[in-house]
Amino acid sequence: MSDPLTRAVQTILWPFLKAEGFSKLTARKFAREKNGVFQQLWVDANGVAGKRSTYVILCANLPFGPIQGYMDPHGFRISNGRAWPMTTEELATASMQQVVAALSSNELEKLDAISDIDRMLVLLAKNPKTGWHAAYTDLFRKWREQDPTLLAVEAANREALKL
């Protein structure tokens, strides 16, 4: 592990997440189930304008919906006002310590607050993109009725997230 970000994630963030019931999907992506909702956290490192930007993303996914990327509108970034600096060992370590502190103090609570199917549907109803509410409400109804297609989606999602 020569990458400072990966090293900091593995030595600082992963032990915290493991204690919180998350499983490891990749070196930078983690998942758990809470209240029947699938929660994900991943460290998104990418390059923009020649600079590396790192964000920590959290999202709550309905078991019968898509699990790749943000779950509209149930995803958010842990915000420190900018991207987390991770280019050196010292910066990566300090940033991951700040991420763990944020998760401990309020970010996991924010995630848990949207990790309930009924609550997620209420939030969708308040979203200006009202098509989402109708679509997910219909999917939820079919899922509760044990629709084989949606049960297969849930099983595939569980497998993909190692739940």
Protein backbone atom coordinates (compact mmCIF):
# COMPACT_ATOMS: atom_id res chain seq x y z
CA MET A 1 0.00 0.00 0.00
CA SER A 2 2.10 2.87 -1.22
CA ASP A 3 -0.90 5.19 -1.65
CA PRO A 4 -1.33 7.44 1.44
CA LEU A 5 -5.11 7.55 1.01
CA THR A 6 -5.55 3.78 0.88
CA ARG A 7 -3.24 3.34 3.86
CA ALA A 8 -5.18 5.91 5.92
CA VAL A 9 -8.52 4.36 4.97
CA GLN A 10 -7.32 0.89 5.97
CA THR A 11 -5.65 1.88 9.24
CA ILE A 12 -8.00 4.61 10.51
CA LEU A 13 -11.40 4.53 8.78
CA TRP A 14 -11.86 0.76 8.31
CA PRO A 15 -11.43 -0.21 12.00
CA PHE A 16 -14.05 2.40 12.95
CA LEU A 17 -16.49 1.26 10.27
CA LYS A 18 -15.98 -2.40 11.15
CA ALA A 19 -16.91 -1.64 14.76
CA GLU A 20 -20.04 0.10 13.44
CA GLY A 21 -21.14 -3.05 11.59
CA PHE A 22 -19.93 -2.25 8.08
CA SER A 23 -18.41 -4.83 5.77
CA LYS A 24 -15.63 -4.06 3.32
CA LEU A 25 -16.53 -4.21 -0.36
CA THR A 26 -13.28 -2.77 -1.72
CA ALA A 27 -10.35 -0.92 -0.21
CA ARG A 28 -12.44 2.28 -0.20
CA LYS A 29 -16.07 1.12 -0.19
CA PHE A 30 -18.10 -0.23 2.74
CA ALA A 31 -21.71 -1.29 3.40
CA ARG A 32 -24.11 -2.40 6.13
CA GLU A 33 -27.84 -2.96 6.59
CA LYS A 34 -29.80 -0.85 9.05
CA ASN A 35 -33.58 -0.88 9.50
CA GLY A 36 -33.97 -2.87 6.28
CA VAL A 37 -32.10 -0.23 4.29
CA PHE A 38 -28.67 -0.72 2.75
CA GLN A 39 -26.12 1.91 3.78
CA GLN A 40 -22.94 2.58 1.87
CA LEU A 41 -19.88 4.70 2.51
CA TRP A 42 -17.09 5.17 0.05
CA VAL A 43 -14.03 7.32 -0.30
CA ASP A 44 -14.15 8.84 -3.77
CA ALA A 45 -10.76 9.98 -4.99
CA ASN A 46 -10.59 11.50 -8.43
CA GLY A 47 -8.65 14.03 -10.41
CA VAL A 48 -10.03 17.42 -11.40
CA ALA A 49 -7.98 20.03 -13.28
CA GLY A 50 -4.79 18.13 -12.54
CA LYS A 51 -5.50 17.99 -8.79
CA ARG A 52 -6.69 15.05 -6.77
CA SER A 53 -9.96 15.64 -4.92
CA THR A 54 -11.20 13.24 -2.26
CA TYR A 55 -14.73 13.11 -0.90
CA VAL A 56 -16.40 10.75 1.57
CA ILE A 57 -19.84 9.74 0.32
CA LEU A 58 -22.64 8.19 2.36
CA CYS A 59 -25.90 6.91 0.97
CA ALA A 60 -28.94 4.90 1.98
CA ASN A 61 -30.38 2.51 -0.59
CA LEU A 62 -33.76 0.85 -0.73
CA PRO A 63 -33.18 -2.90 -0.95
CA PHE A 64 -35.19 -3.16 -4.18
CA GLY A 65 -33.60 -0.17 -5.95
CA PRO A 66 -30.28 0.63 -7.58
CA ILE A 67 -27.20 0.53 -5.36
CA GLN A 68 -24.57 2.07 -7.66
CA GLY A 69 -23.66 5.67 -6.92
CA TYR A 70 -25.96 8.09 -5.16
CA MET A 71 -29.43 6.86 -4.37
CA ASP A 72 -31.62 9.78 -5.36
CA PRO A 73 -31.98 11.76 -3.16
CA HIS A 74 -30.50 9.74 -0.33
CA GLY A 75 -26.80 10.43 -0.66
CA PHE A 76 -24.56 13.11 0.75
CA ARG A 77 -20.90 13.99 1.23
CA ILE A 78 -19.25 14.45 4.56
CA SER A 79 -18.44 18.11 4.23
CA ASN A 80 -15.42 19.92 5.49
CA GLY A 81 -16.05 22.85 3.16
CA ARG A 82 -13.78 21.38 0.48
CA ALA A 83 -12.31 18.11 -0.69
CA TRP A 84 -10.29 16.17 1.86
CA PRO A 85 -6.53 16.53 1.33
CA MET A 86 -4.92 13.11 0.92
CA THR A 87 -1.77 13.64 -1.15
CA THR A 88 0.73 12.93 1.63
CA GLU A 89 0.84 10.47 4.51
CA GLU A 90 0.37 13.26 7.05
CA LEU A 91 -2.57 14.86 5.21
CA ALA A 92 -4.27 11.53 4.61
CA THR A 93 -3.90 10.51 8.26
CA ALA A 94 -5.23 13.84 9.55
CA SER A 95 -8.10 13.79 7.06
CA MET A 96 -9.17 10.24 7.96
CA GLN A 97 -9.03 11.13 11.65
CA GLN A 98 -11.34 14.08 10.90
CA VAL A 99 -13.66 11.81 8.89
CA VAL A 100 -13.92 9.36 11.80
CA ALA A 101 -14.61 12.25 14.19
CA ALA A 102 -17.35 13.55 11.87
CA LEU A 103 -18.88 10.07 11.54
CA SER A 104 -18.82 9.66 15.32
CA SER A 105 -20.32 13.04 16.08
CA ASN A 106 -23.11 13.38 13.54
CA GLU A 107 -22.64 11.96 10.05
CA LEU A 108 -23.71 8.38 10.88
CA GLU A 109 -26.73 9.85 12.69
CA LYS A 110 -27.62 11.76 9.50
CA LEU A 111 -27.32 8.52 7.53
CA ASP A 112 -29.40 6.60 10.06
CA ALA A 113 -32.09 9.31 9.92
CA ILE A 114 -32.73 8.43 6.27
CA SER A 115 -32.33 4.68 6.75
CA ASP A 116 -35.95 3.70 7.03
CA ILE A 117 -38.04 2.81 3.98
CA ASP A 118 -41.10 4.79 5.08
CA ARG A 119 -38.94 7.82 5.96
CA MET A 120 -37.18 7.61 2.59
CA LEU A 121 -40.53 7.62 0.78
CA VAL A 122 -41.65 10.67 2.79
CA LEU A 123 -38.45 12.45 1.79
CA LEU A 124 -39.02 11.52 -1.84
CA ALA A 125 -42.51 13.02 -1.66
CA LYS A 126 -40.93 16.33 -0.62
CA ASN A 127 -38.44 16.22 -3.47
CA PRO A 128 -39.28 18.44 -6.45
CA LYS A 129 -38.62 15.51 -8.80
CA THR A 130 -41.95 13.92 -7.93
CA GLY A 131 -41.52 11.09 -10.41
CA TRP A 132 -39.11 9.45 -7.97
CA HIS A 133 -41.78 9.23 -5.25
CA ALA A 134 -44.32 7.57 -7.51
CA ALA A 135 -41.75 5.14 -8.93
CA TYR A 136 -40.32 4.09 -5.57
CA THR A 137 -43.73 3.91 -3.90
CA ASP A 138 -44.85 1.51 -6.64
CA LEU A 139 -41.65 -0.53 -6.30
CA PHE A 140 -42.12 -0.66 -2.52
CA ARG A 141 -45.70 -1.91 -2.90
CA LYS A 142 -44.60 -4.63 -5.33
CA TRP A 143 -41.67 -5.58 -3.09
CA ARG A 144 -43.98 -5.93 -0.06
CA GLU A 145 -46.22 -8.13 -2.20
CA GLN A 146 -43.19 -10.38 -2.82
CA ASP A 147 -42.85 -9.56 -6.52
CA PRO A 148 -40.30 -12.10 -7.81
CA THR A 149 -38.46 -9.53 -9.93
CA LEU A 150 -37.97 -7.15 -7.00
CA LEU A 151 -37.01 -9.97 -4.65
CA ALA A 152 -34.36 -10.94 -7.21
CA VAL A 153 -33.13 -7.32 -7.29
CA GLU A 154 -32.90 -7.33 -3.49
CA ALA A 155 -30.99 -10.64 -3.50
CA ALA A 156 -28.56 -9.32 -6.13
CA ASN A 157 -28.08 -6.11 -4.13
CA ARG A 158 -27.38 -8.09 -0.96
CA GLU A 159 -24.81 -10.15 -2.81
CA ALA A 160 -23.16 -7.10 -4.39
CA LEU A 161 -22.94 -5.38 -1.00
CA LYS A 162 -21.91 -8.58 0.84
CA LEU A 163 -24.87 -8.30 3.23
